[in-house]
Amino acid sequence: MPPGFVLTTAGVARLDDGSIRSEVLEAYRRLGEGPVAVRSSAVAEDLAEASFAGQQSTFLNVSGAEDLLRAVEACAASISAERAVAYRAALGFGEQA
């Protein structure tokens, strides 16, 4: 597995908190501040009856602190993307599955 870090759902909910943003940037610094991928991972990612992989946006070759923060915010917001909402609704899952 390549090196990386995880921002929990609690962290995503507090993205406008300066300390969370600082932690994200510190983790990025520890990775060497090179290009990274920003992607989501649903709580119920791989179930027998559903696969949430690819329902939310993924951002590749993200470089730089500001671009990283924008990509994290856009990735988190993509839970409300039409395809993600429609997929969850079709399977009877709630809004934040």
PDB file of N, CA and C in Angstrom:
ATOM      1  N   MET A   1       0.841  -1.166   0.000  1.00  0.00           N
ATOM      2  CA  MET A   1       0.000   0.000   0.000  1.00  0.00           C
ATOM      3  C   MET A   1       0.897   1.243   0.000  1.00  0.00           C
ATOM      4  N   PRO A   2       0.563   2.221  -0.860  1.00  0.00           N
ATOM      5  CA  PRO A   2       1.381   3.441  -0.876  1.00  0.00           C
ATOM      6  C   PRO A   2       1.165   4.258   0.393  1.00  0.00           C
ATOM      7  N   PRO A   3       2.125   5.099   0.733  1.00  0.00           N
ATOM      8  CA  PRO A   3       1.956   5.935   1.920  1.00  0.00           C
ATOM      9  C   PRO A   3       0.799   6.908   1.727  1.00  0.00           C
ATOM     10  N   GLY A   4       0.177   7.259   2.819  1.00  0.00           N
ATOM     11  CA  GLY A   4      -0.942   8.196   2.753  1.00  0.00           C
ATOM     12  C   GLY A   4      -1.445   8.517   4.139  1.00  0.00           C
ATOM     13  N   PHE A   5      -2.592   9.154   4.192  1.00  0.00           N
ATOM     14  CA  PHE A   5      -3.242   9.451   5.460  1.00  0.00           C
ATOM     15  C   PHE A   5      -4.746   9.476   5.242  1.00  0.00           C
ATOM     16  N   VAL A   6      -5.471   9.383   6.336  1.00  0.00           N
ATOM     17  CA  VAL A   6      -6.926   9.308   6.293  1.00  0.00           C
ATOM     18  C   VAL A   6      -7.509  10.485   7.056  1.00  0.00           C
ATOM     19  N   LEU A   7      -8.515  11.067   6.479  1.00  0.00           N
ATOM     20  CA  LEU A   7      -9.295  12.089   7.164  1.00  0.00           C
ATOM     21  C   LEU A   7     -10.640  11.444   7.483  1.00  0.00           C
ATOM     22  N   THR A   8     -10.949  11.302   8.747  1.00  0.00           N
ATOM     23  CA  THR A   8     -12.184  10.627   9.153  1.00  0.00           C
ATOM     24  C   THR A   8     -13.414  11.473   8.826  1.00  0.00           C
ATOM     25  N   THR A   9     -14.586  10.855   8.942  1.00  0.00           N
ATOM     26  CA  THR A   9     -15.826  11.604   8.719  1.00  0.00           C
ATOM     27  C   THR A   9     -15.958  12.746   9.719  1.00  0.00           C
ATOM     28  N   ALA A  10     -15.483  12.539  10.941  1.00  0.00           N
ATOM     29  CA  ALA A  10     -15.503  13.620  11.935  1.00  0.00           C
ATOM     30  C   ALA A  10     -14.589  14.758  11.489  1.00  0.00           C
ATOM     31  N   GLY A  11     -13.450  14.435  10.920  1.00  0.00           N
ATOM     32  CA  GLY A  11     -12.538  15.454  10.413  1.00  0.00           C
ATOM     33  C   GLY A  11     -13.127  16.199   9.232  1.00  0.00           C
ATOM     34  N   VAL A  12     -13.771  15.470   8.340  1.00  0.00           N
ATOM     35  CA  VAL A  12     -14.415  16.095   7.181  1.00  0.00           C
ATOM     36  C   VAL A  12     -15.483  17.079   7.648  1.00  0.00           C
ATOM     37  N   ALA A  13     -16.243  16.704   8.667  1.00  0.00           N
ATOM     38  CA  ALA A  13     -17.300  17.574   9.190  1.00  0.00           C
ATOM     39  C   ALA A  13     -16.736  18.863   9.779  1.00  0.00           C
ATOM     40  N   ARG A  14     -15.445  18.856  10.124  1.00  0.00           N
ATOM     41  CA  ARG A  14     -14.811  20.035  10.734  1.00  0.00           C
ATOM     42  C   ARG A  14     -13.754  20.652   9.817  1.00  0.00           C
ATOM     43  N   LEU A  15     -13.901  20.492   8.503  1.00  0.00           N
ATOM     44  CA  LEU A  15     -12.890  21.002   7.573  1.00  0.00           C
ATOM     45  C   LEU A  15     -12.685  22.508   7.675  1.00  0.00           C
ATOM     46  N   ASP A  16     -13.688  23.235   8.116  1.00  0.00           N
ATOM     47  CA  ASP A  16     -13.507  24.677   8.235  1.00  0.00           C
ATOM     48  C   ASP A  16     -12.767  25.062   9.509  1.00  0.00           C
ATOM     49  N   ASP A  17     -12.483  24.068  10.344  1.00  0.00           N
ATOM     50  CA  ASP A  17     -11.707  24.271  11.578  1.00  0.00           C
ATOM     51  C   ASP A  17     -10.227  24.363  11.196  1.00  0.00           C
ATOM     52  N   GLY A  18      -9.575  25.436  11.602  1.00  0.00           N
ATOM     53  CA  GLY A  18      -8.173  25.644  11.253  1.00  0.00           C
ATOM     54  C   GLY A  18      -7.257  24.534  11.712  1.00  0.00           C
ATOM     55  N   SER A  19      -7.563  23.910  12.861  1.00  0.00           N
ATOM     56  CA  SER A  19      -6.680  22.854  13.356  1.00  0.00           C
ATOM     57  C   SER A  19      -6.752  21.613  12.474  1.00  0.00           C
ATOM     58  N   ILE A  20      -7.925  21.295  11.939  1.00  0.00           N
ATOM     59  CA  ILE A  20      -8.046  20.143  11.033  1.00  0.00           C
ATOM     60  C   ILE A  20      -7.276  20.427   9.747  1.00  0.00           C
ATOM     61  N   ARG A  21      -7.434  21.608   9.211  1.00  0.00           N
ATOM     62  CA  ARG A  21      -6.706  21.982   7.998  1.00  0.00           C
ATOM     63  C   ARG A  21      -5.197  21.896   8.241  1.00  0.00           C
ATOM     64  N   SER A  22      -4.751  22.333   9.396  1.00  0.00           N
ATOM     65  CA  SER A  22      -3.330  22.258   9.736  1.00  0.00           C
ATOM     66  C   SER A  22      -2.860  20.817   9.819  1.00  0.00           C
ATOM     67  N   GLU A  23      -3.684  19.949  10.387  1.00  0.00           N
ATOM     68  CA  GLU A  23      -3.326  18.526  10.475  1.00  0.00           C
ATOM     69  C   GLU A  23      -3.232  17.899   9.102  1.00  0.00           C
ATOM     70  N   VAL A  24      -4.158  18.238   8.218  1.00  0.00           N
ATOM     71  CA  VAL A  24      -4.114  17.723   6.839  1.00  0.00           C
ATOM     72  C   VAL A  24      -2.824  18.182   6.164  1.00  0.00           C
ATOM     73  N   LEU A  25      -2.496  19.442   6.306  1.00  0.00           N
ATOM     74  CA  LEU A  25      -1.285  19.970   5.671  1.00  0.00           C
ATOM     75  C   LEU A  25      -0.017  19.395   6.276  1.00  0.00           C
ATOM     76  N   GLU A  26      -0.026  19.122   7.572  1.00  0.00           N
ATOM     77  CA  GLU A  26       1.134  18.485   8.211  1.00  0.00           C
ATOM     78  C   GLU A  26       1.306  17.060   7.695  1.00  0.00           C
ATOM     79  N   ALA A  27       0.214  16.333   7.558  1.00  0.00           N
ATOM     80  CA  ALA A  27       0.288  14.964   7.020  1.00  0.00           C
ATOM     81  C   ALA A  27       0.805  14.995   5.575  1.00  0.00           C
ATOM     82  N   TYR A  28       0.350  15.966   4.797  1.00  0.00           N
ATOM     83  CA  TYR A  28       0.818  16.134   3.422  1.00  0.00           C
ATOM     84  C   TYR A  28       2.317  16.452   3.401  1.00  0.00           C
ATOM     85  N   ARG A  29       2.753  17.297   4.314  1.00  0.00           N
ATOM     86  CA  ARG A  29       4.186  17.626   4.402  1.00  0.00           C
ATOM     87  C   ARG A  29       5.003  16.376   4.680  1.00  0.00           C
ATOM     88  N   ARG A  30       4.508  15.528   5.596  1.00  0.00           N
ATOM     89  CA  ARG A  30       5.224  14.285   5.928  1.00  0.00           C
ATOM     90  C   ARG A  30       5.300  13.343   4.726  1.00  0.00           C
ATOM     91  N   LEU A  31       4.373  13.468   3.791  1.00  0.00           N
ATOM     92  CA  LEU A  31       4.418  12.649   2.574  1.00  0.00           C
ATOM     93  C   LEU A  31       5.392  13.210   1.539  1.00  0.00           C
ATOM     94  N   GLY A  32       5.924  14.384   1.786  1.00  0.00           N
ATOM     95  CA  GLY A  32       6.885  14.974   0.861  1.00  0.00           C
ATOM     96  C   GLY A  32       6.306  16.051  -0.031  1.00  0.00           C
ATOM     97  N   GLU A  33       5.028  16.367   0.123  1.00  0.00           N
ATOM     98  CA  GLU A  33       4.352  17.441  -0.603  1.00  0.00           C
ATOM     99  C   GLU A  33       4.353  17.258  -2.118  1.00  0.00           C
ATOM    100  N   GLY A  34       4.509  16.028  -2.573  1.00  0.00           N
ATOM    101  CA  GLY A  34       4.437  15.752  -4.006  1.00  0.00           C
ATOM    102  C   GLY A  34       3.014  15.492  -4.439  1.00  0.00           C
ATOM    103  N   PRO A  35       2.823  15.111  -5.691  1.00  0.00           N
ATOM    104  CA  PRO A  35       1.477  14.823  -6.188  1.00  0.00           C
ATOM    105  C   PRO A  35       0.838  13.670  -5.402  1.00  0.00           C
ATOM    106  N   VAL A  36      -0.439  13.836  -5.074  1.00  0.00           N
ATOM    107  CA  VAL A  36      -1.194  12.825  -4.337  1.00  0.00           C
ATOM    108  C   VAL A  36      -2.547  12.618  -4.999  1.00  0.00           C
ATOM    109  N   ALA A  37      -3.209  11.556  -4.604  1.00  0.00           N
ATOM    110  CA  ALA A  37      -4.590  11.300  -5.004  1.00  0.00           C
ATOM    111  C   ALA A  37      -5.477  11.570  -3.798  1.00  0.00           C
ATOM    112  N   VAL A  38      -6.619  12.170  -4.038  1.00  0.00           N
ATOM    113  CA  VAL A  38      -7.613  12.416  -2.992  1.00  0.00           C
ATOM    114  C   VAL A  38      -8.857  11.662  -3.410  1.00  0.00           C
ATOM    115  N   ARG A  39      -9.292  10.725  -2.550  1.00  0.00           N
ATOM    116  CA  ARG A  39     -10.463   9.923  -2.881  1.00  0.00           C
ATOM    117  C   ARG A  39     -11.261   9.652  -1.630  1.00  0.00           C
ATOM    118  N   SER A  40     -12.496   9.263  -1.840  1.00  0.00           N
ATOM    119  CA  SER A  40     -13.364   8.950  -0.707  1.00  0.00           C
ATOM    120  C   SER A  40     -13.386   7.450  -0.470  1.00  0.00           C
ATOM    121  N   SER A  41     -13.872   7.097   0.671  1.00  0.00           N
ATOM    122  CA  SER A  41     -14.101   5.696   1.002  1.00  0.00           C
ATOM    123  C   SER A  41     -15.363   5.664   1.854  1.00  0.00           C
ATOM    124  N   ALA A  42     -16.421   5.123   1.296  1.00  0.00           N
ATOM    125  CA  ALA A  42     -17.693   5.079   2.018  1.00  0.00           C
ATOM    126  C   ALA A  42     -17.587   4.138   3.212  1.00  0.00           C
ATOM    127  N   VAL A  43     -18.358   4.438   4.242  1.00  0.00           N
ATOM    128  CA  VAL A  43     -18.382   3.596   5.433  1.00  0.00           C
ATOM    129  C   VAL A  43     -18.785   2.170   5.054  1.00  0.00           C
ATOM    130  N   ALA A  44     -19.695   2.051   4.120  1.00  0.00           N
ATOM    131  CA  ALA A  44     -20.176   0.741   3.659  1.00  0.00           C
ATOM    132  C   ALA A  44     -19.638   0.466   2.251  1.00  0.00           C
ATOM    133  N   GLU A  45     -18.356   0.634   2.059  1.00  0.00           N
ATOM    134  CA  GLU A  45     -17.740   0.585   0.720  1.00  0.00           C
ATOM    135  C   GLU A  45     -18.024  -0.699  -0.052  1.00  0.00           C
ATOM    136  N   ASP A  46     -17.775  -1.837   0.533  1.00  0.00           N
ATOM    137  CA  ASP A  46     -17.897  -3.090  -0.207  1.00  0.00           C
ATOM    138  C   ASP A  46     -18.829  -4.054   0.511  1.00  0.00           C
ATOM    139  N   LEU A  47     -20.075  -4.019   0.126  1.00  0.00           N
ATOM    140  CA  LEU A  47     -21.071  -4.929   0.660  1.00  0.00           C
ATOM    141  C   LEU A  47     -21.419  -5.955  -0.408  1.00  0.00           C
ATOM    142  N   ALA A  48     -22.014  -7.040  -0.022  1.00  0.00           N
ATOM    143  CA  ALA A  48     -22.411  -8.046  -1.002  1.00  0.00           C
ATOM    144  C   ALA A  48     -23.407  -7.484  -2.006  1.00  0.00           C
ATOM    145  N   GLU A  49     -24.276  -6.587  -1.539  1.00  0.00           N
ATOM    146  CA  GLU A  49     -25.338  -6.063  -2.396  1.00  0.00           C
ATOM    147  C   GLU A  49     -25.043  -4.678  -2.988  1.00  0.00           C
ATOM    148  N   ALA A  50     -23.903  -4.091  -2.656  1.00  0.00           N
ATOM    149  CA  ALA A  50     -23.608  -2.750  -3.163  1.00  0.00           C
ATOM    150  C   ALA A  50     -22.111  -2.488  -3.124  1.00  0.00           C
ATOM    151  N   SER A  51     -21.659  -1.683  -4.075  1.00  0.00           N
ATOM    152  CA  SER A  51     -20.272  -1.232  -4.081  1.00  0.00           C
ATOM    153  C   SER A  51     -20.282   0.276  -4.263  1.00  0.00           C
ATOM    154  N   PHE A  52     -19.768   0.989  -3.275  1.00  0.00           N
ATOM    155  CA  PHE A  52     -19.785   2.442  -3.333  1.00  0.00           C
ATOM    156  C   PHE A  52     -18.541   3.025  -3.986  1.00  0.00           C
ATOM    157  N   ALA A  53     -17.588   2.181  -4.338  1.00  0.00           N
ATOM    158  CA  ALA A  53     -16.368   2.659  -4.983  1.00  0.00           C
ATOM    159  C   ALA A  53     -16.727   3.411  -6.260  1.00  0.00           C
ATOM    160  N   GLY A  54     -16.149   4.583  -6.417  1.00  0.00           N
ATOM    161  CA  GLY A  54     -16.360   5.375  -7.620  1.00  0.00           C
ATOM    162  C   GLY A  54     -17.597   6.254  -7.599  1.00  0.00           C
ATOM    163  N   GLN A  55     -18.391   6.179  -6.566  1.00  0.00           N
ATOM    164  CA  GLN A  55     -19.593   7.015  -6.523  1.00  0.00           C
ATOM    165  C   GLN A  55     -19.270   8.470  -6.205  1.00  0.00           C
ATOM    166  N   GLN A  56     -18.213   8.705  -5.452  1.00  0.00           N
ATOM    167  CA  GLN A  56     -17.793  10.065  -5.145  1.00  0.00           C
ATOM    168  C   GLN A  56     -16.553  10.407  -5.964  1.00  0.00           C
ATOM    169  N   SER A  57     -16.257  11.666  -6.056  1.00  0.00           N
ATOM    170  CA  SER A  57     -15.163  12.142  -6.912  1.00  0.00           C
ATOM    171  C   SER A  57     -13.793  11.746  -6.385  1.00  0.00           C
ATOM    172  N   THR A  58     -12.887  11.512  -7.328  1.00  0.00           N
ATOM    173  CA  THR A  58     -11.485  11.238  -7.048  1.00  0.00           C
ATOM    174  C   THR A  58     -10.668  12.294  -7.778  1.00  0.00           C
ATOM    175  N   PHE A  59      -9.633  12.780  -7.137  1.00  0.00           N
ATOM    176  CA  PHE A  59      -8.766  13.788  -7.733  1.00  0.00           C
ATOM    177  C   PHE A  59      -7.342  13.255  -7.749  1.00  0.00           C
ATOM    178  N   LEU A  60      -6.730  13.234  -8.929  1.00  0.00           N
ATOM    179  CA  LEU A  60      -5.387  12.687  -9.106  1.00  0.00           C
ATOM    180  C   LEU A  60      -4.380  13.802  -9.353  1.00  0.00           C
ATOM    181  N   ASN A  61      -3.119  13.514  -9.043  1.00  0.00           N
ATOM    182  CA  ASN A  61      -2.013  14.455  -9.271  1.00  0.00           C
ATOM    183  C   ASN A  61      -2.246  15.808  -8.610  1.00  0.00           C
ATOM    184  N   VAL A  62      -2.766  15.782  -7.401  1.00  0.00           N
ATOM    185  CA  VAL A  62      -2.996  17.010  -6.641  1.00  0.00           C
ATOM    186  C   VAL A  62      -1.660  17.430  -6.030  1.00  0.00           C
ATOM    187  N   SER A  63      -1.249  18.657  -6.305  1.00  0.00           N
ATOM    188  CA  SER A  63       0.028  19.171  -5.795  1.00  0.00           C
ATOM    189  C   SER A  63      -0.187  20.521  -5.143  1.00  0.00           C
ATOM    190  N   GLY A  64       0.458  20.711  -4.016  1.00  0.00           N
ATOM    191  CA  GLY A  64       0.403  21.992  -3.325  1.00  0.00           C
ATOM    192  C   GLY A  64      -0.682  22.027  -2.267  1.00  0.00           C
ATOM    193  N   ALA A  65      -0.410  22.797  -1.230  1.00  0.00           N
ATOM    194  CA  ALA A  65      -1.293  22.853  -0.070  1.00  0.00           C
ATOM    195  C   ALA A  65      -2.693  23.334  -0.421  1.00  0.00           C
ATOM    196  N   GLU A  66      -2.805  24.420  -1.139  1.00  0.00           N
ATOM    197  CA  GLU A  66      -4.136  24.965  -1.451  1.00  0.00           C
ATOM    198  C   GLU A  66      -4.926  24.029  -2.358  1.00  0.00           C
ATOM    199  N   ASP A  67      -4.257  23.439  -3.349  1.00  0.00           N
ATOM    200  CA  ASP A  67      -4.947  22.489  -4.225  1.00  0.00           C
ATOM    201  C   ASP A  67      -5.388  21.256  -3.446  1.00  0.00           C
ATOM    202  N   LEU A  68      -4.565  20.822  -2.494  1.00  0.00           N
ATOM    203  CA  LEU A  68      -4.936  19.681  -1.664  1.00  0.00           C
ATOM    204  C   LEU A  68      -6.193  19.996  -0.860  1.00  0.00           C
ATOM    205  N   LEU A  69      -6.221  21.133  -0.200  1.00  0.00           N
ATOM    206  CA  LEU A  69      -7.395  21.487   0.602  1.00  0.00           C
ATOM    207  C   LEU A  69      -8.647  21.617  -0.265  1.00  0.00           C
ATOM    208  N   ARG A  70      -8.510  22.189  -1.452  1.00  0.00           N
ATOM    209  CA  ARG A  70      -9.657  22.294  -2.370  1.00  0.00           C
ATOM    210  C   ARG A  70     -10.132  20.913  -2.797  1.00  0.00           C
ATOM    211  N   ALA A  71      -9.194  20.007  -3.082  1.00  0.00           N
ATOM    212  CA  ALA A  71      -9.565  18.653  -3.512  1.00  0.00           C
ATOM    213  C   ALA A  71     -10.255  17.890  -2.382  1.00  0.00           C
ATOM    214  N   VAL A  72      -9.765  18.034  -1.164  1.00  0.00           N
ATOM    215  CA  VAL A  72     -10.399  17.374  -0.016  1.00  0.00           C
ATOM    216  C   VAL A  72     -11.825  17.881   0.147  1.00  0.00           C
ATOM    217  N   GLU A  73     -12.019  19.190   0.061  1.00  0.00           N
ATOM    218  CA  GLU A  73     -13.359  19.765   0.197  1.00  0.00           C
ATOM    219  C   GLU A  73     -14.276  19.301  -0.933  1.00  0.00           C
ATOM    220  N   ALA A  74     -13.774  19.283  -2.166  1.00  0.00           N
ATOM    221  CA  ALA A  74     -14.588  18.853  -3.307  1.00  0.00           C
ATOM    222  C   ALA A  74     -14.928  17.372  -3.213  1.00  0.00           C
ATOM    223  N   CYS A  75     -13.973  16.570  -2.765  1.00  0.00           N
ATOM    224  CA  CYS A  75     -14.214  15.144  -2.593  1.00  0.00           C
ATOM    225  C   CYS A  75     -15.305  14.918  -1.544  1.00  0.00           C
ATOM    226  N   ALA A  76     -15.201  15.612  -0.426  1.00  0.00           N
ATOM    227  CA  ALA A  76     -16.204  15.486   0.635  1.00  0.00           C
ATOM    228  C   ALA A  76     -17.578  15.936   0.142  1.00  0.00           C
ATOM    229  N   ALA A  77     -17.625  17.013  -0.618  1.00  0.00           N
ATOM    230  CA  ALA A  77     -18.894  17.534  -1.131  1.00  0.00           C
ATOM    231  C   ALA A  77     -19.523  16.608  -2.158  1.00  0.00           C
ATOM    232  N   SER A  78     -18.714  15.772  -2.798  1.00  0.00           N
ATOM    233  CA  SER A  78     -19.246  14.913  -3.861  1.00  0.00           C
ATOM    234  C   SER A  78     -20.177  13.818  -3.344  1.00  0.00           C
ATOM    235  N   ILE A  79     -20.323  13.688  -2.023  1.00  0.00           N
ATOM    236  CA  ILE A  79     -21.314  12.762  -1.477  1.00  0.00           C
ATOM    237  C   ILE A  79     -22.718  13.193  -1.905  1.00  0.00           C
ATOM    238  N   SER A  80     -22.846  14.471  -2.261  1.00  0.00           N
ATOM    239  CA  SER A  80     -24.129  15.004  -2.709  1.00  0.00           C
ATOM    240  C   SER A  80     -24.258  15.026  -4.229  1.00  0.00           C
ATOM    241  N   ALA A  81     -23.268  14.469  -4.919  1.00  0.00           N
ATOM    242  CA  ALA A  81     -23.326  14.427  -6.383  1.00  0.00           C
ATOM    243  C   ALA A  81     -24.525  13.590  -6.823  1.00  0.00           C
ATOM    244  N   GLU A  82     -25.105  13.961  -7.934  1.00  0.00           N
ATOM    245  CA  GLU A  82     -26.317  13.293  -8.422  1.00  0.00           C
ATOM    246  C   GLU A  82     -26.154  11.780  -8.520  1.00  0.00           C
ATOM    247  N   ARG A  83     -25.033  11.311  -9.056  1.00  0.00           N
ATOM    248  CA  ARG A  83     -24.855   9.866  -9.217  1.00  0.00           C
ATOM    249  C   ARG A  83     -24.791   9.153  -7.864  1.00  0.00           C
ATOM    250  N   ALA A  84     -24.131   9.783  -6.878  1.00  0.00           N
ATOM    251  CA  ALA A  84     -24.003   9.176  -5.555  1.00  0.00           C
ATOM    252  C   ALA A  84     -25.359   9.132  -4.849  1.00  0.00           C
ATOM    253  N   VAL A  85     -26.108  10.214  -4.921  1.00  0.00           N
ATOM    254  CA  VAL A  85     -27.439  10.264  -4.302  1.00  0.00           C
ATOM    255  C   VAL A  85     -28.361   9.247  -4.956  1.00  0.00           C
ATOM    256  N   ALA A  86     -28.347   9.193  -6.280  1.00  0.00           N
ATOM    257  CA  ALA A  86     -29.223   8.265  -7.006  1.00  0.00           C
ATOM    258  C   ALA A  86     -28.874   6.813  -6.684  1.00  0.00           C
ATOM    259  N   TYR A  87     -27.597   6.492  -6.603  1.00  0.00           N
ATOM    260  CA  TYR A  87     -27.175   5.124  -6.301  1.00  0.00           C
ATOM    261  C   TYR A  87     -27.648   4.705  -4.914  1.00  0.00           C
ATOM    262  N   ARG A  88     -27.432   5.577  -3.927  1.00  0.00           N
ATOM    263  CA  ARG A  88     -27.879   5.257  -2.566  1.00  0.00           C
ATOM    264  C   ARG A  88     -29.391   5.111  -2.502  1.00  0.00           C
ATOM    265  N   ALA A  89     -30.100   5.989  -3.173  1.00  0.00           N
ATOM    266  CA  ALA A  89     -31.570   5.934  -3.162  1.00  0.00           C
ATOM    267  C   ALA A  89     -32.070   4.651  -3.813  1.00  0.00           C
ATOM    268  N   ALA A  90     -31.460   4.270  -4.924  1.00  0.00           N
ATOM    269  CA  ALA A  90     -31.882   3.062  -5.629  1.00  0.00           C
ATOM    270  C   ALA A  90     -31.697   1.814  -4.778  1.00  0.00           C
ATOM    271  N   LEU A  91     -30.706   1.841  -3.890  1.00  0.00           N
ATOM    272  CA  LEU A  91     -30.437   0.695  -3.034  1.00  0.00           C
ATOM    273  C   LEU A  91     -31.068   0.817  -1.642  1.00  0.00           C
ATOM    274  N   GLY A  92     -31.756   1.926  -1.398  1.00  0.00           N
ATOM    275  CA  GLY A  92     -32.416   2.118  -0.117  1.00  0.00           C
ATOM    276  C   GLY A  92     -31.506   2.539   1.012  1.00  0.00           C
ATOM    277  N   PHE A  93     -30.351   3.122   0.685  1.00  0.00           N
ATOM    278  CA  PHE A  93     -29.421   3.600   1.702  1.00  0.00           C
ATOM    279  C   PHE A  93     -29.723   5.054   2.011  1.00  0.00           C
ATOM    280  N   GLY A  94     -29.350   5.495   3.204  1.00  0.00           N
ATOM    281  CA  GLY A  94     -29.541   6.873   3.616  1.00  0.00           C
ATOM    282  C   GLY A  94     -28.590   7.804   2.901  1.00  0.00           C
ATOM    283  N   GLU A  95     -28.739   9.067   3.186  1.00  0.00           N
ATOM    284  CA  GLU A  95     -27.943  10.104   2.539  1.00  0.00           C
ATOM    285  C   GLU A  95     -26.437   9.967   2.722  1.00  0.00           C
ATOM    286  N   GLN A  96     -25.978   9.522   3.892  1.00  0.00           N
ATOM    287  CA  GLN A  96     -24.548   9.541   4.193  1.00  0.00           C
ATOM    288  C   GLN A  96     -23.905   8.156   4.186  1.00  0.00           C
ATOM    289  N   ALA A  97     -24.467   7.187   3.495  1.00  0.00           N
ATOM    290  CA  ALA A  97     -23.913   5.823   3.475  1.00  0.00           C
ATOM    291  C   ALA A  97     -22.507   5.804   2.949  1.00  0.00           C
TER     292      ALA A  97
END
